[in-house]
N, C-alpha and C. Protein backbone atom coordinates (compact mmCIF):
# COMPACT_ATOMS: atom_id res chain seq x y z
N MET A 1 30.23 92.09 62.61
CA MET A 1 29.58 91.10 61.96
C MET A 1 29.67 91.28 60.54
N ALA A 2 29.62 89.95 59.81
CA ALA A 2 29.77 90.10 58.36
C ALA A 2 28.64 90.68 57.63
N TYR A 3 28.98 91.14 56.41
CA TYR A 3 27.83 91.92 55.66
C TYR A 3 27.56 90.98 54.31
N VAL A 4 26.48 90.84 53.94
CA VAL A 4 26.22 89.97 52.66
C VAL A 4 25.49 90.63 51.57
N ASP A 5 25.87 90.71 50.38
CA ASP A 5 24.89 91.12 49.15
C ASP A 5 24.45 89.76 48.79
N GLY A 6 23.22 89.82 48.39
CA GLY A 6 22.56 88.67 47.74
C GLY A 6 21.73 89.15 46.43
N PHE A 7 21.66 88.05 45.82
CA PHE A 7 21.25 88.26 44.35
C PHE A 7 20.32 87.13 43.74
N VAL A 8 19.27 87.44 43.14
CA VAL A 8 18.58 86.29 42.52
C VAL A 8 18.23 86.82 41.10
N ILE A 9 19.00 85.86 40.19
CA ILE A 9 18.89 86.24 38.75
C ILE A 9 18.43 85.17 37.82
N PRO A 10 17.51 85.56 36.82
CA PRO A 10 17.21 84.69 35.81
C PRO A 10 18.36 84.51 34.75
N VAL A 11 18.53 83.39 34.42
CA VAL A 11 19.75 83.09 33.26
C VAL A 11 19.23 82.20 32.41
N ALA A 12 19.33 82.37 31.01
CA ALA A 12 18.95 81.48 29.99
C ALA A 12 19.76 80.26 30.04
N LYS A 13 19.29 78.92 29.87
CA LYS A 13 19.93 77.88 29.93
C LYS A 13 21.16 77.84 29.01
N ASN A 14 21.11 78.42 27.82
CA ASN A 14 21.98 78.54 26.80
C ASN A 14 22.94 79.47 26.90
N LYS A 15 22.71 80.28 28.03
CA LYS A 15 23.83 81.38 28.56
C LYS A 15 24.57 80.79 29.62
N LEU A 16 24.15 79.62 30.29
CA LEU A 16 24.76 79.48 31.71
C LEU A 16 26.11 79.51 31.86
N ASP A 17 26.77 78.69 30.85
CA ASP A 17 28.27 78.56 30.74
C ASP A 17 28.88 80.02 30.74
N ALA A 18 28.41 80.83 29.96
CA ALA A 18 28.87 82.32 29.84
C ALA A 18 28.76 82.90 31.12
N TYR A 19 27.60 82.81 31.82
CA TYR A 19 27.40 83.46 33.06
C TYR A 19 28.25 82.83 34.13
N LEU A 20 28.65 81.53 34.15
CA LEU A 20 29.47 80.98 35.20
C LEU A 20 30.74 81.46 34.96
N GLU A 21 31.19 81.46 33.80
CA GLU A 21 32.57 82.06 33.31
C GLU A 21 32.80 83.30 33.83
N MET A 22 31.76 84.40 33.50
CA MET A 22 31.82 85.52 34.13
C MET A 22 31.96 85.74 35.57
N ALA A 23 31.03 84.80 36.04
CA ALA A 23 31.14 84.60 37.71
C ALA A 23 32.50 84.58 38.22
N ARG A 24 33.05 83.37 37.62
CA ARG A 24 34.35 82.98 38.08
C ARG A 24 35.20 84.12 37.83
N ASN A 25 35.28 84.72 36.83
CA ASN A 25 36.20 85.91 36.60
C ASN A 25 35.85 87.28 37.56
N ALA A 26 34.69 87.41 37.74
CA ALA A 26 34.29 88.37 38.79
C ALA A 26 34.56 88.09 40.16
N ALA A 27 34.55 86.80 40.40
CA ALA A 27 34.99 86.37 41.73
C ALA A 27 36.12 86.83 42.26
N ALA A 28 37.19 86.51 41.35
CA ALA A 28 38.61 86.93 41.58
C ALA A 28 38.80 88.39 41.78
N ILE A 29 37.99 89.32 41.11
CA ILE A 29 37.96 90.69 41.19
C ILE A 29 37.17 91.01 42.57
N TRP A 30 36.27 90.46 43.00
CA TRP A 30 35.51 90.74 44.32
C TRP A 30 36.49 90.35 45.44
N ARG A 31 37.05 89.17 45.45
CA ARG A 31 37.81 88.91 46.63
C ARG A 31 39.04 89.59 46.59
N GLU A 32 39.70 90.03 45.37
CA GLU A 32 40.84 91.05 45.59
C GLU A 32 40.51 92.40 46.18
N HIS A 33 39.15 92.72 46.04
CA HIS A 33 38.94 94.00 46.69
C HIS A 33 38.29 93.82 48.13
N GLY A 34 38.34 92.59 48.62
CA GLY A 34 37.81 92.56 50.05
C GLY A 34 36.63 91.40 50.38
N ALA A 35 35.97 90.89 49.32
CA ALA A 35 35.19 89.67 49.61
C ALA A 35 35.83 88.44 50.08
N ILE A 36 35.11 88.00 51.28
CA ILE A 36 35.65 86.61 51.73
C ILE A 36 34.90 85.47 51.04
N GLU A 37 33.75 85.45 50.72
CA GLU A 37 33.02 84.59 49.97
C GLU A 37 32.36 84.89 48.76
N PHE A 38 32.28 83.98 47.90
CA PHE A 38 31.44 84.60 46.51
C PHE A 38 30.94 83.15 46.20
N ARG A 39 29.49 83.02 46.04
CA ARG A 39 28.88 82.00 45.74
C ARG A 39 27.76 81.96 44.74
N GLU A 40 27.78 80.96 43.84
CA GLU A 40 26.85 81.07 42.67
C GLU A 40 26.07 79.66 42.63
N CYS A 41 24.92 79.70 42.87
CA CYS A 41 23.89 78.55 42.83
C CYS A 41 23.04 78.44 41.84
N VAL A 42 22.69 77.44 41.06
CA VAL A 42 21.93 77.13 39.99
C VAL A 42 20.70 76.42 40.59
N SER A 43 19.56 77.03 40.14
CA SER A 43 18.34 76.30 40.40
C SER A 43 18.10 74.76 40.16
N ASP A 44 17.86 74.13 40.98
CA ASP A 44 17.65 72.64 40.78
C ASP A 44 16.18 72.03 41.25
N ASP A 45 15.75 72.69 42.43
CA ASP A 45 14.32 72.37 42.71
C ASP A 45 13.66 73.75 43.35
N VAL A 46 13.39 74.44 42.27
CA VAL A 46 12.54 75.70 42.46
C VAL A 46 11.20 75.79 41.85
N GLN A 47 10.01 75.53 42.42
CA GLN A 47 8.96 75.39 41.82
C GLN A 47 8.13 76.91 41.86
N PRO A 48 7.10 77.07 40.91
CA PRO A 48 6.56 78.31 41.13
C PRO A 48 5.57 78.13 42.24
N GLY A 49 5.22 79.29 43.10
CA GLY A 49 4.32 79.27 44.12
C GLY A 49 2.91 79.89 43.93
N LYS A 50 2.31 79.75 44.96
CA LYS A 50 0.79 80.38 44.70
C LYS A 50 0.68 81.75 44.76
N LEU A 51 1.74 82.34 45.79
CA LEU A 51 1.68 83.93 46.01
C LEU A 51 3.33 84.24 45.55
N THR A 52 4.22 83.72 46.12
CA THR A 52 5.51 83.92 45.96
C THR A 52 6.56 82.71 45.55
N SER A 53 7.68 82.79 45.08
CA SER A 53 8.50 81.88 44.80
C SER A 53 9.74 82.53 43.94
N PHE A 54 10.86 81.80 43.89
CA PHE A 54 11.98 82.20 43.34
C PHE A 54 11.61 82.46 41.65
N PRO A 55 11.11 81.53 41.21
CA PRO A 55 10.68 81.72 39.54
C PRO A 55 9.70 83.06 39.37
N GLN A 56 9.13 83.27 40.34
CA GLN A 56 8.03 84.58 40.15
C GLN A 56 8.74 85.70 40.36
N SER A 57 9.78 85.46 41.51
CA SER A 57 10.51 86.62 41.78
C SER A 57 11.21 87.30 40.65
N VAL A 58 11.69 86.78 39.64
CA VAL A 58 12.42 87.22 38.53
C VAL A 58 11.64 86.82 37.26
N ASN A 59 10.44 86.83 37.36
CA ASN A 59 9.45 86.66 36.27
C ASN A 59 10.10 85.54 35.26
N LEU A 60 10.53 84.44 35.64
CA LEU A 60 11.15 83.42 34.93
C LEU A 60 10.39 82.83 33.73
N GLU A 61 11.26 82.79 32.58
CA GLU A 61 10.54 82.51 31.43
C GLU A 61 10.92 81.08 30.92
N ASP A 62 10.49 80.49 29.91
CA ASP A 62 10.66 79.21 29.41
C ASP A 62 12.27 79.28 29.07
N GLY A 63 12.90 78.12 29.40
CA GLY A 63 14.09 78.12 28.90
C GLY A 63 15.18 78.70 30.03
N GLU A 64 14.68 79.28 31.19
CA GLU A 64 15.64 80.16 31.98
C GLU A 64 15.77 79.15 33.18
N LEU A 65 16.81 79.50 33.93
CA LEU A 65 17.08 79.01 35.47
C LEU A 65 17.19 80.26 36.29
N VAL A 66 17.08 79.78 37.55
CA VAL A 66 17.13 81.00 38.56
C VAL A 66 18.60 80.64 38.96
N ILE A 67 19.39 81.73 39.31
CA ILE A 67 20.41 81.90 40.08
C ILE A 67 20.45 82.51 41.17
N PHE A 68 20.78 81.86 42.31
CA PHE A 68 20.99 82.56 43.75
C PHE A 68 22.33 82.69 44.11
N SER A 69 22.57 83.76 44.37
CA SER A 69 24.09 83.97 44.65
C SER A 69 24.26 85.15 45.83
N TRP A 70 25.48 84.93 46.40
CA TRP A 70 25.82 86.01 47.41
C TRP A 70 27.31 86.23 47.85
N ILE A 71 27.73 87.10 48.08
CA ILE A 71 28.91 87.42 48.50
C ILE A 71 29.07 88.20 49.66
N VAL A 72 30.13 87.55 50.65
CA VAL A 72 30.16 87.91 51.94
C VAL A 72 31.45 88.79 52.24
N TYR A 73 31.41 89.76 52.96
CA TYR A 73 32.37 90.73 53.24
C TYR A 73 32.46 90.76 54.86
N PRO A 74 33.73 91.06 55.32
CA PRO A 74 33.88 91.30 56.74
C PRO A 74 33.08 92.28 57.53
N SER A 75 32.59 93.38 56.72
CA SER A 75 31.85 94.29 57.15
C SER A 75 30.98 95.23 56.13
N ARG A 76 30.07 95.91 56.42
CA ARG A 76 29.54 96.96 55.60
C ARG A 76 30.52 97.96 54.79
N ALA A 77 31.36 98.32 55.84
CA ALA A 77 32.35 99.29 55.20
C ALA A 77 33.34 98.83 53.98
N VAL A 78 33.75 97.39 54.59
CA VAL A 78 34.50 96.89 53.45
C VAL A 78 33.72 96.55 52.09
N ARG A 79 32.59 96.19 52.34
CA ARG A 79 31.46 95.96 50.96
C ARG A 79 31.39 97.32 50.34
N ASP A 80 31.07 98.48 51.01
CA ASP A 80 31.09 99.83 50.36
C ASP A 80 32.36 100.16 49.50
N ALA A 81 33.41 99.97 50.36
CA ALA A 81 34.71 100.38 49.63
C ALA A 81 35.04 99.34 48.55
N ALA A 82 34.70 98.19 48.74
CA ALA A 82 34.94 97.07 47.47
C ALA A 82 33.99 97.64 46.24
N ASN A 83 32.76 97.76 46.60
CA ASN A 83 31.72 98.14 45.55
C ASN A 83 32.33 99.12 44.74
N GLU A 84 32.80 100.22 45.45
CA GLU A 84 33.28 101.35 44.64
C GLU A 84 34.41 101.05 43.74
N LYS A 85 35.42 100.37 44.35
CA LYS A 85 36.69 99.90 43.77
C LYS A 85 36.37 99.17 42.63
N ILE A 86 35.34 98.11 42.73
CA ILE A 86 35.08 97.25 41.64
C ILE A 86 34.32 98.02 40.32
N MET A 87 33.53 98.75 40.71
CA MET A 87 32.72 99.76 39.54
C MET A 87 33.84 100.48 38.64
N GLN A 88 35.00 100.79 39.49
CA GLN A 88 36.02 101.47 38.63
C GLN A 88 37.06 100.59 38.07
N ASP A 89 37.03 99.48 38.40
CA ASP A 89 38.01 98.42 37.87
C ASP A 89 38.00 98.17 36.51
N PRO A 90 39.07 98.48 35.76
CA PRO A 90 38.83 98.25 34.28
C PRO A 90 38.61 97.02 33.66
N ARG A 91 38.74 95.79 34.70
CA ARG A 91 38.49 94.45 34.17
C ARG A 91 36.92 94.26 34.21
N MET A 92 36.31 95.22 34.92
CA MET A 92 34.77 94.98 34.88
C MET A 92 33.95 95.60 33.68
N ALA A 93 34.91 96.42 33.16
CA ALA A 93 34.28 97.40 32.04
C ALA A 93 33.49 96.52 30.97
N GLU A 94 33.88 95.39 30.74
CA GLU A 94 33.37 94.61 29.47
C GLU A 94 32.12 94.01 30.00
N TYR A 95 32.08 93.43 31.14
CA TYR A 95 30.82 92.99 31.98
C TYR A 95 29.86 93.94 32.15
N MET A 96 30.15 95.11 32.57
CA MET A 96 29.10 96.07 32.76
C MET A 96 28.39 96.60 31.31
N LYS A 97 28.89 96.32 30.16
CA LYS A 97 28.08 96.47 28.96
C LYS A 97 26.91 95.75 28.98
N ALA A 98 25.73 96.22 28.70
CA ALA A 98 24.53 95.47 28.75
C ALA A 98 24.45 94.27 27.74
N GLU A 99 25.00 94.70 26.58
CA GLU A 99 25.15 93.62 25.39
C GLU A 99 26.03 92.45 25.78
N ASN A 100 26.62 92.48 26.72
CA ASN A 100 27.73 91.41 27.10
C ASN A 100 27.26 90.77 28.58
N MET A 101 26.03 91.28 29.02
CA MET A 101 25.72 90.48 30.14
C MET A 101 25.09 89.17 29.90
N PRO A 102 25.26 88.12 30.43
CA PRO A 102 24.68 86.93 30.02
C PRO A 102 23.26 86.72 30.72
N PHE A 103 22.52 87.66 31.16
CA PHE A 103 21.48 87.57 32.10
C PHE A 103 20.79 89.09 31.81
N ASP A 104 19.43 88.96 32.25
CA ASP A 104 18.68 90.01 32.10
C ASP A 104 18.68 90.80 33.24
N GLY A 105 19.60 92.06 33.26
CA GLY A 105 19.63 92.66 34.65
C GLY A 105 18.50 93.53 35.07
N LYS A 106 17.42 93.61 34.16
CA LYS A 106 16.20 94.31 34.64
C LYS A 106 15.35 93.40 35.66
N ARG A 107 15.66 92.14 35.65
CA ARG A 107 14.98 91.21 36.36
C ARG A 107 15.77 90.71 37.50
N MET A 108 16.79 91.22 37.88
CA MET A 108 17.85 90.80 38.97
C MET A 108 17.20 91.44 40.17
N ILE A 109 17.28 90.58 41.28
CA ILE A 109 16.80 91.21 42.54
C ILE A 109 18.10 91.17 43.34
N TYR A 110 18.47 92.22 44.34
CA TYR A 110 19.64 92.24 45.00
C TYR A 110 19.58 93.23 46.05
N GLY A 111 20.28 93.08 47.02
CA GLY A 111 20.29 93.88 48.18
C GLY A 111 21.57 93.58 49.12
N GLY A 112 21.56 94.42 50.23
CA GLY A 112 22.83 94.24 51.20
C GLY A 112 22.10 93.87 52.42
N PHE A 113 22.59 92.93 53.12
CA PHE A 113 22.18 92.41 54.39
C PHE A 113 23.18 92.31 55.40
N GLU A 114 22.70 92.76 56.62
CA GLU A 114 23.46 92.47 58.03
C GLU A 114 23.24 91.07 58.47
N MET A 115 24.50 90.30 58.45
CA MET A 115 24.45 88.83 58.97
C MET A 115 24.02 89.18 60.50
N ARG A 116 23.12 88.36 61.08
CA ARG A 116 22.79 88.29 62.50
C ARG A 116 22.98 87.04 62.96
N VAL A 117 22.99 85.80 62.34
CA VAL A 117 23.26 84.63 62.77
C VAL A 117 24.22 83.91 61.93
N ASP A 118 25.30 83.48 62.43
CA ASP A 118 26.35 82.74 61.61
C ASP A 118 26.86 81.41 62.33
N LEU A 119 26.12 80.39 62.04
CA LEU A 119 26.57 78.98 63.03
C LEU A 119 27.21 78.01 62.07
């Protein structure tokens, strides 16, 4: 069964174009190393909740949007191998520098998930 890495990220509205450009470039690298899907979604209808919500999960600030993204791999083994290669890929070096990231990585939520239903 497929394996998914999921992300929720706050991005300043004035950095959205830079973020999407970075995502497009990163998608090519991820797919080269084994990803079969790479999705980036920009919040359109996410309201603060009473207990939890997407905005609360990333401590959303004024002027920011929530990005919900995921990367699909054929398996966890492919994902683990891909992530190792991606972190060593020289094309990623510039994106990995904190000053070049168009988002606050400290407020990013991410994790790996086993896909159990795929209809």
